[in-house]
Amino acid sequence: MSPRSFMGRPAFRRTLWDRLVTPELDPETTETKVLMRDLENMLSTRAAYPIYKEFEPDDPLCATLPCYGLKDVRDPESISALDPLLVAQEIRDALVNFEPRLQDIRVEYIEEEKNRRKFTLMFTVTAHVRDSQNSVSERIALDVSTGFCKFEENKK
């Protein structure tokens, strides 16, 4: 296993908890699972300061802690005017600003599927893992009623 680096630091490090609980896991599999967990946490976090209208994406304030996460979609006014394409762009912006392990990020809205809850938006997140040959292509469900994001198993 060759060390990977990003700006002089390892691009991926398992947490101490991950190493204690599952020391035998394949590093590549573990890397993807830890990355998905971190992305779920980020996308389920509400940004304290909305980045979606006030600033250009390259503004330094967009990459600060108050902008971490997504805007609160649980607001009744937001739900009625919720545009899935804007949410997809916001997800992409959050990943670009706060997830240095990913590059070439693409987020696409998936039209509503049958047997889905009414207030769930589905997206596909596709990206390459930096300093790796791996790529990520996962489906994510955003529950509009709770604001919680969850990656789902790929349906082939």
Protein backbone atom coordinates (compact mmCIF):
# COMPACT_ATOMS: atom_id res chain seq x y z
CA MET A 1 0.00 0.00 0.00
CA SER A 2 1.61 3.22 -1.13
CA PRO A 3 1.12 6.36 0.94
CA ARG A 4 -1.13 8.93 -0.64
CA SER A 5 -0.71 12.59 -0.04
CA PHE A 6 -2.52 15.86 -0.50
CA MET A 7 -0.57 19.02 0.19
CA GLY A 8 2.00 16.99 2.11
CA ARG A 9 -0.59 15.18 4.25
CA PRO A 10 -2.17 11.77 3.74
CA ALA A 11 -5.30 12.10 1.60
CA PHE A 12 -7.07 9.49 3.69
CA ARG A 13 -6.66 8.52 7.31
CA ARG A 14 -8.99 6.22 9.15
CA THR A 15 -10.09 7.48 12.53
CA LEU A 16 -8.76 5.78 15.64
CA TRP A 17 -12.24 4.35 16.22
CA ASP A 18 -12.32 2.85 12.70
CA ARG A 19 -8.91 1.26 13.20
CA LEU A 20 -9.85 -0.22 16.60
CA VAL A 21 -13.25 -1.57 15.57
CA THR A 22 -12.34 -2.93 12.13
CA PRO A 23 -8.56 -3.29 11.82
CA GLU A 24 -8.83 -6.10 9.26
CA LEU A 25 -10.86 -4.29 6.61
CA ASP A 26 -9.45 -3.70 3.16
CA PRO A 27 -8.14 -0.11 3.08
CA GLU A 28 -9.83 0.68 -0.26
CA THR A 29 -13.24 -0.53 0.97
CA THR A 30 -12.81 1.26 4.26
CA GLU A 31 -11.78 4.46 2.50
CA THR A 32 -15.03 4.51 0.52
CA LYS A 33 -17.17 3.74 3.59
CA VAL A 34 -15.50 6.43 5.68
CA LEU A 35 -15.82 8.92 2.83
CA MET A 36 -19.55 8.16 2.46
CA ARG A 37 -20.04 8.54 6.22
CA ASP A 38 -18.27 11.90 6.19
CA LEU A 39 -20.32 13.08 3.21
CA GLU A 40 -23.59 12.04 4.89
CA ASN A 41 -22.59 14.01 7.99
CA MET A 42 -21.70 17.09 5.96
CA LEU A 43 -24.84 17.02 3.81
CA SER A 44 -27.06 16.48 6.87
CA THR A 45 -25.57 19.58 8.53
CA ARG A 46 -27.40 22.89 8.15
CA ALA A 47 -25.31 25.83 7.03
CA ALA A 48 -25.54 28.72 9.48
CA TYR A 49 -24.84 31.19 6.72
CA PRO A 50 -26.47 30.63 3.33
CA ILE A 51 -24.00 30.51 0.46
CA TYR A 52 -26.51 29.87 -2.29
CA LYS A 53 -27.30 33.48 -3.25
CA GLU A 54 -25.07 36.07 -1.60
CA PHE A 55 -21.65 35.05 -2.89
CA GLU A 56 -19.91 33.82 -5.97
CA PRO A 57 -18.65 30.21 -5.62
CA ASP A 58 -15.01 31.37 -5.61
CA ASP A 59 -15.56 33.86 -2.76
CA PRO A 60 -13.33 32.87 0.22
CA LEU A 61 -16.27 33.17 2.62
CA CYS A 62 -17.97 30.22 0.87
CA ALA A 63 -15.29 27.88 2.22
CA THR A 64 -15.68 28.89 5.88
CA LEU A 65 -17.23 26.95 8.72
CA PRO A 66 -20.51 28.94 8.90
CA CYS A 67 -21.20 27.83 5.31
CA TYR A 68 -20.51 24.12 6.04
CA GLY A 69 -23.45 21.92 5.01
CA LEU A 70 -26.66 22.67 3.12
CA LYS A 71 -29.31 25.32 3.59
CA ASP A 72 -32.23 24.30 5.78
CA VAL A 73 -34.80 22.69 3.48
CA ARG A 74 -37.21 22.03 6.36
CA ASP A 75 -38.48 25.61 6.30
CA PRO A 76 -42.10 25.54 5.00
CA GLU A 77 -41.38 28.42 2.63
CA SER A 78 -38.37 26.55 1.26
CA ILE A 79 -40.32 23.32 0.74
CA SER A 80 -42.99 24.98 -1.37
CA ALA A 81 -40.40 26.65 -3.61
CA LEU A 82 -37.84 23.83 -3.53
CA ASP A 83 -36.09 23.42 -6.88
CA PRO A 84 -34.28 20.05 -7.07
CA LEU A 85 -31.80 21.40 -9.61
CA LEU A 86 -30.78 24.21 -7.24
CA VAL A 87 -30.43 21.67 -4.42
CA ALA A 88 -28.19 19.55 -6.68
CA GLN A 89 -26.03 22.62 -7.35
CA GLU A 90 -25.87 23.38 -3.63
CA ILE A 91 -24.80 19.79 -2.87
CA ARG A 92 -22.08 20.08 -5.51
CA ASP A 93 -20.90 23.44 -4.13
CA ALA A 94 -20.71 22.00 -0.60
CA LEU A 95 -18.66 19.03 -1.83
CA VAL A 96 -16.31 21.26 -3.84
CA ASN A 97 -15.78 23.65 -0.90
CA PHE A 98 -15.50 21.16 1.97
CA GLU A 99 -14.39 17.77 0.63
CA PRO A 100 -10.78 17.93 -0.61
CA ARG A 101 -10.66 14.15 -1.14
CA LEU A 102 -12.97 14.46 -4.17
CA GLN A 103 -12.45 16.02 -7.58
CA ASP A 104 -14.46 16.19 -10.83
CA ILE A 105 -17.69 16.20 -8.80
CA ARG A 106 -21.02 15.80 -10.59
CA VAL A 107 -24.42 15.83 -8.87
CA GLU A 108 -27.56 14.97 -10.83
CA TYR A 109 -31.18 15.03 -9.74
CA ILE A 110 -33.08 11.76 -10.23
CA GLU A 111 -36.73 12.21 -11.17
CA GLU A 112 -39.19 10.86 -8.62
CA GLU A 113 -39.44 7.12 -8.56
CA LYS A 114 -42.52 5.05 -7.82
CA ASN A 115 -43.00 3.93 -4.21
CA ARG A 116 -40.89 6.84 -2.89
CA ARG A 117 -41.88 9.05 -0.02
CA LYS A 118 -43.34 12.33 -1.18
CA PHE A 119 -40.75 14.52 0.53
CA THR A 120 -37.60 12.69 -0.56
CA LEU A 121 -35.34 14.01 -3.30
CA MET A 122 -32.91 11.61 -4.97
CA PHE A 123 -29.53 12.56 -6.42
CA THR A 124 -26.56 10.75 -7.92
CA VAL A 125 -23.13 11.92 -6.77
CA THR A 126 -20.23 10.98 -9.04
CA ALA A 127 -16.61 11.96 -8.38
CA HIS A 128 -13.01 10.77 -8.46
CA VAL A 129 -11.11 10.23 -5.23
CA ARG A 130 -8.06 12.50 -5.29
CA ASP A 131 -4.67 10.75 -5.46
CA SER A 132 -6.37 7.44 -6.13
CA GLN A 133 -7.63 5.35 -9.03
CA ASN A 134 -10.99 5.01 -7.27
CA SER A 135 -14.16 6.80 -8.22
CA VAL A 136 -17.41 7.20 -6.34
CA SER A 137 -20.87 6.95 -7.86
CA GLU A 138 -23.57 6.80 -5.22
CA ARG A 139 -27.25 7.64 -4.86
CA ILE A 140 -28.21 9.98 -2.06
CA ALA A 141 -31.66 10.58 -0.63
CA LEU A 142 -32.47 13.96 0.91
CA ASP A 143 -35.48 13.76 3.22
CA VAL A 144 -37.02 17.22 2.93
CA SER A 145 -39.09 16.77 6.10
CA THR A 146 -36.02 16.15 8.29
CA GLY A 147 -33.13 17.55 6.23
CA PHE A 148 -31.27 14.25 6.66
CA CYS A 149 -29.15 12.87 3.78
CA LYS A 150 -28.44 9.16 3.39
CA PHE A 151 -26.42 7.32 0.76
CA GLU A 152 -28.25 4.29 -0.58
CA GLU A 153 -26.98 1.03 -1.96
CA ASN A 154 -26.46 1.20 -5.72
CA LYS A 155 -29.31 -0.43 -7.60
CA LYS A 156 -27.97 -2.13 -10.66
